[in-house]
Amino acid sequence: MLKEKLGDALTAKQVAEFLNMDVKTVRDYYLELGGVRIGRSYRFFEKEVSNAIQARKEVHRTSKEEQQQERENIQHQERCSGLGSRDAKAARRGVGRPNNHGLLD
């Protein structure tokens, strides 16, 4: 019954071969890959690995769309806010900062 729900049990080496990764990398990211650690050994299940990869794809796809939207928003703000205004240049040069150390007198 458990085998039907989770699929076959896999070792870290088998998952590494399947994903074309180093075994150490698979062990480092066993939680993200749907694995469990029992003592010093790692176990993965086919369906959990598949679900973890699918979830990662969806998150990554969404973040790319969000990044593109953020880029568009930044470009729009730069065009609207007067890129290169004197206030921004003065802030970069430190003009208007308090003379805390008496060096500018």
N, C-alpha and C. Protein backbone atom coordinates (compact mmCIF):
# COMPACT_ATOMS: atom_id res chain seq x y z
N MET A 1 0.82 -1.19 0.00
CA MET A 1 0.00 0.00 0.00
C MET A 1 0.87 1.26 0.00
N LEU A 2 1.91 1.30 0.81
CA LEU A 2 2.80 2.45 0.86
C LEU A 2 3.54 2.60 -0.47
N LYS A 3 3.90 1.48 -1.06
CA LYS A 3 4.61 1.51 -2.34
C LYS A 3 3.72 2.11 -3.44
N GLU A 4 2.42 1.87 -3.37
CA GLU A 4 1.50 2.44 -4.34
C GLU A 4 1.42 3.95 -4.20
N LYS A 5 1.47 4.46 -2.97
CA LYS A 5 1.37 5.90 -2.74
C LYS A 5 2.66 6.64 -3.09
N LEU A 6 3.79 6.04 -2.72
CA LEU A 6 5.07 6.75 -2.86
C LEU A 6 5.94 6.26 -4.02
N GLY A 7 5.67 5.10 -4.53
CA GLY A 7 6.52 4.55 -5.57
C GLY A 7 7.69 3.80 -4.96
N ASP A 8 8.63 3.43 -5.79
CA ASP A 8 9.80 2.69 -5.31
C ASP A 8 10.71 3.57 -4.48
N ALA A 9 11.38 2.94 -3.51
CA ALA A 9 12.38 3.64 -2.70
C ALA A 9 13.66 3.74 -3.51
N LEU A 10 14.31 4.89 -3.44
CA LEU A 10 15.55 5.13 -4.18
C LEU A 10 16.64 5.58 -3.21
N THR A 11 17.87 5.28 -3.56
CA THR A 11 19.00 5.77 -2.78
C THR A 11 19.45 7.12 -3.33
N ALA A 12 20.31 7.80 -2.59
CA ALA A 12 20.84 9.08 -3.05
C ALA A 12 21.62 8.89 -4.35
N LYS A 13 22.33 7.76 -4.46
CA LYS A 13 23.09 7.49 -5.68
C LYS A 13 22.17 7.32 -6.89
N GLN A 14 21.06 6.64 -6.71
CA GLN A 14 20.11 6.46 -7.82
C GLN A 14 19.49 7.79 -8.24
N VAL A 15 19.14 8.62 -7.26
CA VAL A 15 18.57 9.94 -7.58
C VAL A 15 19.62 10.79 -8.30
N ALA A 16 20.86 10.73 -7.83
CA ALA A 16 21.94 11.50 -8.46
C ALA A 16 22.14 11.07 -9.91
N GLU A 17 22.12 9.80 -10.17
CA GLU A 17 22.26 9.32 -11.55
C GLU A 17 21.09 9.77 -12.41
N PHE A 18 19.89 9.69 -11.85
CA PHE A 18 18.69 10.09 -12.60
C PHE A 18 18.71 11.58 -12.94
N LEU A 19 19.14 12.41 -11.97
CA LEU A 19 19.15 13.86 -12.17
C LEU A 19 20.47 14.37 -12.75
N ASN A 20 21.40 13.46 -12.97
CA ASN A 20 22.72 13.82 -13.50
C ASN A 20 23.40 14.84 -12.58
N MET A 21 23.41 14.51 -11.29
CA MET A 21 24.00 15.37 -10.27
C MET A 21 25.01 14.57 -9.47
N ASP A 22 25.79 15.26 -8.68
CA ASP A 22 26.71 14.62 -7.76
C ASP A 22 25.93 14.10 -6.56
N VAL A 23 26.34 12.96 -6.01
CA VAL A 23 25.65 12.37 -4.86
C VAL A 23 25.67 13.32 -3.67
N LYS A 24 26.77 14.04 -3.48
CA LYS A 24 26.88 14.98 -2.35
C LYS A 24 25.83 16.09 -2.49
N THR A 25 25.61 16.57 -3.69
CA THR A 25 24.61 17.61 -3.92
C THR A 25 23.21 17.09 -3.59
N VAL A 26 22.93 15.87 -4.00
CA VAL A 26 21.62 15.26 -3.70
C VAL A 26 21.45 15.16 -2.19
N ARG A 27 22.50 14.75 -1.49
CA ARG A 27 22.41 14.65 -0.03
C ARG A 27 22.23 16.01 0.62
N ASP A 28 22.91 17.03 0.09
CA ASP A 28 22.77 18.38 0.64
C ASP A 28 21.36 18.92 0.48
N TYR A 29 20.69 18.56 -0.60
CA TYR A 29 19.36 19.09 -0.90
C TYR A 29 18.28 18.02 -0.78
N TYR A 30 18.48 17.05 0.10
CA TYR A 30 17.53 15.94 0.18
C TYR A 30 16.13 16.40 0.56
N LEU A 31 16.00 17.43 1.40
CA LEU A 31 14.66 17.90 1.77
C LEU A 31 13.93 18.51 0.58
N GLU A 32 14.67 19.31 -0.21
CA GLU A 32 14.07 19.94 -1.38
C GLU A 32 13.68 18.92 -2.44
N LEU A 33 14.35 17.76 -2.43
CA LEU A 33 14.07 16.71 -3.40
C LEU A 33 13.06 15.68 -2.89
N GLY A 34 12.48 15.93 -1.73
CA GLY A 34 11.46 15.04 -1.21
C GLY A 34 12.02 13.81 -0.51
N GLY A 35 13.26 13.89 -0.04
CA GLY A 35 13.88 12.76 0.61
C GLY A 35 13.78 12.84 2.11
N VAL A 36 14.15 11.75 2.77
CA VAL A 36 14.21 11.68 4.22
C VAL A 36 15.57 11.13 4.62
N ARG A 37 16.01 11.54 5.79
CA ARG A 37 17.27 11.03 6.31
C ARG A 37 16.96 10.14 7.50
N ILE A 38 17.48 8.93 7.44
CA ILE A 38 17.29 7.97 8.52
C ILE A 38 18.68 7.56 8.98
N GLY A 39 19.08 8.08 10.12
CA GLY A 39 20.45 7.84 10.57
C GLY A 39 21.43 8.50 9.64
N ARG A 40 22.32 7.70 9.06
CA ARG A 40 23.28 8.25 8.11
C ARG A 40 22.90 7.96 6.66
N SER A 41 21.76 7.38 6.46
CA SER A 41 21.35 7.07 5.08
C SER A 41 20.19 7.97 4.64
N TYR A 42 20.08 8.14 3.35
CA TYR A 42 19.05 8.99 2.75
C TYR A 42 18.15 8.10 1.90
N ARG A 43 16.86 8.35 1.97
CA ARG A 43 15.91 7.60 1.15
C ARG A 43 15.00 8.58 0.42
N PHE A 44 14.74 8.23 -0.80
CA PHE A 44 13.86 9.03 -1.65
C PHE A 44 12.80 8.11 -2.21
N PHE A 45 11.68 8.67 -2.57
CA PHE A 45 10.61 7.91 -3.19
C PHE A 45 10.27 8.56 -4.51
N GLU A 46 10.03 7.71 -5.51
CA GLU A 46 9.83 8.19 -6.88
C GLU A 46 8.82 9.32 -6.97
N LYS A 47 7.67 9.14 -6.41
CA LYS A 47 6.61 10.14 -6.55
C LYS A 47 6.96 11.43 -5.81
N GLU A 48 7.64 11.32 -4.68
CA GLU A 48 8.03 12.52 -3.94
C GLU A 48 9.08 13.32 -4.69
N VAL A 49 10.03 12.63 -5.31
CA VAL A 49 11.05 13.31 -6.11
C VAL A 49 10.38 14.00 -7.30
N SER A 50 9.48 13.30 -7.94
CA SER A 50 8.76 13.87 -9.08
C SER A 50 7.94 15.09 -8.66
N ASN A 51 7.25 15.00 -7.53
CA ASN A 51 6.46 16.14 -7.03
C ASN A 51 7.36 17.32 -6.68
N ALA A 52 8.51 17.05 -6.06
CA ALA A 52 9.43 18.12 -5.69
C ALA A 52 9.96 18.84 -6.93
N ILE A 53 10.30 18.09 -7.95
CA ILE A 53 10.81 18.70 -9.18
C ILE A 53 9.71 19.52 -9.84
N GLN A 54 8.52 19.00 -9.90
CA GLN A 54 7.40 19.72 -10.50
C GLN A 54 7.10 21.00 -9.73
N ALA A 55 7.11 20.95 -8.41
CA ALA A 55 6.84 22.14 -7.60
C ALA A 55 7.93 23.18 -7.82
N ARG A 56 9.17 22.73 -7.94
CA ARG A 56 10.29 23.65 -8.18
C ARG A 56 10.15 24.34 -9.53
N LYS A 57 9.70 23.61 -10.54
CA LYS A 57 9.48 24.20 -11.86
C LYS A 57 8.43 25.31 -11.80
N GLU A 58 7.34 25.04 -11.08
CA GLU A 58 6.26 26.02 -10.99
C GLU A 58 6.71 27.26 -10.25
N VAL A 59 7.46 27.10 -9.16
CA VAL A 59 7.96 28.24 -8.41
C VAL A 59 8.93 29.03 -9.26
N HIS A 60 9.81 28.35 -9.96
CA HIS A 60 10.81 29.02 -10.79
C HIS A 60 10.14 29.77 -11.94
N ARG A 61 9.13 29.18 -12.55
CA ARG A 61 8.42 29.82 -13.65
C ARG A 61 7.74 31.10 -13.15
N THR A 62 7.11 31.03 -12.00
CA THR A 62 6.44 32.19 -11.43
C THR A 62 7.44 33.28 -11.11
N SER A 63 8.57 32.90 -10.56
CA SER A 63 9.54 33.93 -10.19
C SER A 63 10.10 34.62 -11.42
N LYS A 64 10.25 33.91 -12.53
CA LYS A 64 10.72 34.55 -13.77
C LYS A 64 9.71 35.58 -14.25
N GLU A 65 8.44 35.23 -14.18
CA GLU A 65 7.39 36.18 -14.58
C GLU A 65 7.39 37.39 -13.66
N GLU A 66 7.58 37.16 -12.36
CA GLU A 66 7.62 38.27 -11.41
C GLU A 66 8.83 39.15 -11.66
N GLN A 67 9.97 38.54 -11.99
CA GLN A 67 11.18 39.31 -12.27
C GLN A 67 10.98 40.19 -13.50
N GLN A 68 10.34 39.66 -14.53
CA GLN A 68 10.09 40.44 -15.73
C GLN A 68 9.17 41.62 -15.41
N GLN A 69 8.14 41.38 -14.61
CA GLN A 69 7.22 42.45 -14.22
C GLN A 69 7.95 43.51 -13.42
N GLU A 70 8.84 43.08 -12.51
CA GLU A 70 9.61 44.03 -11.70
C GLU A 70 10.52 44.87 -12.59
N ARG A 71 11.16 44.26 -13.59
CA ARG A 71 12.01 45.01 -14.52
C ARG A 71 11.20 46.08 -15.25
N GLU A 72 10.02 45.70 -15.70
CA GLU A 72 9.17 46.66 -16.41
C GLU A 72 8.76 47.80 -15.49
N ASN A 73 8.46 47.50 -14.24
CA ASN A 73 8.09 48.54 -13.28
C ASN A 73 9.24 49.50 -13.03
N ILE A 74 10.45 48.96 -12.89
CA ILE A 74 11.63 49.81 -12.66
C ILE A 74 11.88 50.72 -13.85
N GLN A 75 11.78 50.17 -15.04
CA GLN A 75 11.99 50.99 -16.24
C GLN A 75 10.96 52.10 -16.32
N HIS A 76 9.72 51.80 -15.97
CA HIS A 76 8.66 52.80 -16.00
C HIS A 76 8.93 53.89 -14.96
N GLN A 77 9.37 53.51 -13.76
CA GLN A 77 9.66 54.48 -12.71
C GLN A 77 10.82 55.39 -13.12
N GLU A 78 11.84 54.83 -13.74
CA GLU A 78 12.99 55.64 -14.15
C GLU A 78 12.58 56.69 -15.17
N ARG A 79 11.71 56.32 -16.09
CA ARG A 79 11.26 57.28 -17.09
C ARG A 79 10.40 58.36 -16.48
N CYS A 80 9.63 58.01 -15.46
CA CYS A 80 8.69 58.96 -14.87
C CYS A 80 9.31 59.87 -13.83
N SER A 81 10.35 59.42 -13.14
CA SER A 81 10.84 60.19 -12.01
C SER A 81 11.97 61.14 -12.37
N GLY A 82 12.25 61.34 -13.61
CA GLY A 82 13.30 62.27 -13.99
C GLY A 82 14.68 61.71 -13.69
N LEU A 83 15.01 60.67 -14.37
CA LEU A 83 16.31 60.04 -14.18
C LEU A 83 17.41 61.06 -14.37
N GLY A 84 18.34 61.09 -13.44
CA GLY A 84 19.44 62.04 -13.53
C GLY A 84 19.10 63.39 -12.93
N SER A 85 18.10 63.46 -12.10
CA SER A 85 17.73 64.75 -11.51
C SER A 85 18.83 65.23 -10.59
N ARG A 86 18.85 66.51 -10.31
CA ARG A 86 19.89 67.10 -9.47
C ARG A 86 19.85 66.58 -8.05
N ASP A 87 18.66 66.28 -7.54
CA ASP A 87 18.56 65.75 -6.19
C ASP A 87 19.29 64.42 -6.06
N ALA A 88 19.14 63.55 -7.05
CA ALA A 88 19.80 62.25 -7.01
C ALA A 88 21.31 62.42 -7.10
N LYS A 89 21.78 63.35 -7.95
CA LYS A 89 23.22 63.56 -8.09
C LYS A 89 23.79 64.15 -6.81
N ALA A 90 23.08 65.05 -6.17
CA ALA A 90 23.55 65.66 -4.92
C ALA A 90 23.63 64.60 -3.82
N ALA A 91 22.69 63.71 -3.78
CA ALA A 91 22.70 62.66 -2.77
C ALA A 91 23.89 61.73 -2.96
N ARG A 92 24.25 61.45 -4.21
CA ARG A 92 25.40 60.58 -4.46
C ARG A 92 26.70 61.25 -4.06
N ARG A 93 26.79 62.55 -4.23
CA ARG A 93 28.02 63.28 -3.89
C ARG A 93 28.11 63.59 -2.42
N GLY A 94 27.01 63.46 -1.70
CA GLY A 94 27.03 63.75 -0.27
C GLY A 94 26.77 65.20 0.04
N VAL A 95 26.34 65.98 -0.95
CA VAL A 95 26.02 67.38 -0.70
C VAL A 95 24.81 67.45 0.21
N GLY A 96 24.89 68.30 1.19
CA GLY A 96 23.77 68.45 2.12
C GLY A 96 23.88 67.56 3.34
N ARG A 97 24.97 66.79 3.44
CA ARG A 97 25.17 65.98 4.63
C ARG A 97 25.71 66.85 5.76
N PRO A 98 25.37 66.49 6.98
CA PRO A 98 25.89 67.29 8.10
C PRO A 98 27.41 67.16 8.21
N ASN A 99 28.05 68.23 8.68
CA ASN A 99 29.50 68.27 8.85
C ASN A 99 29.81 67.81 10.28
N ASN A 100 29.77 66.52 10.50
CA ASN A 100 29.93 65.97 11.85
C ASN A 100 31.35 66.08 12.38
N HIS A 101 32.33 66.10 11.52
CA HIS A 101 33.72 66.02 11.96
C HIS A 101 34.47 67.34 11.81
N GLY A 102 33.83 68.36 11.29
CA GLY A 102 34.47 69.65 11.13
C GLY A 102 35.51 69.68 10.02
N LEU A 103 35.46 68.76 9.10
CA LEU A 103 36.45 68.70 8.04
C LEU A 103 36.13 69.63 6.87
N LEU A 104 34.87 70.04 6.77
CA LEU A 104 34.48 70.83 5.61
C LEU A 104 34.43 72.32 5.91
N ASP A 105 34.90 72.77 7.04
CA ASP A 105 34.86 74.19 7.40
C ASP A 105 35.95 74.97 6.69
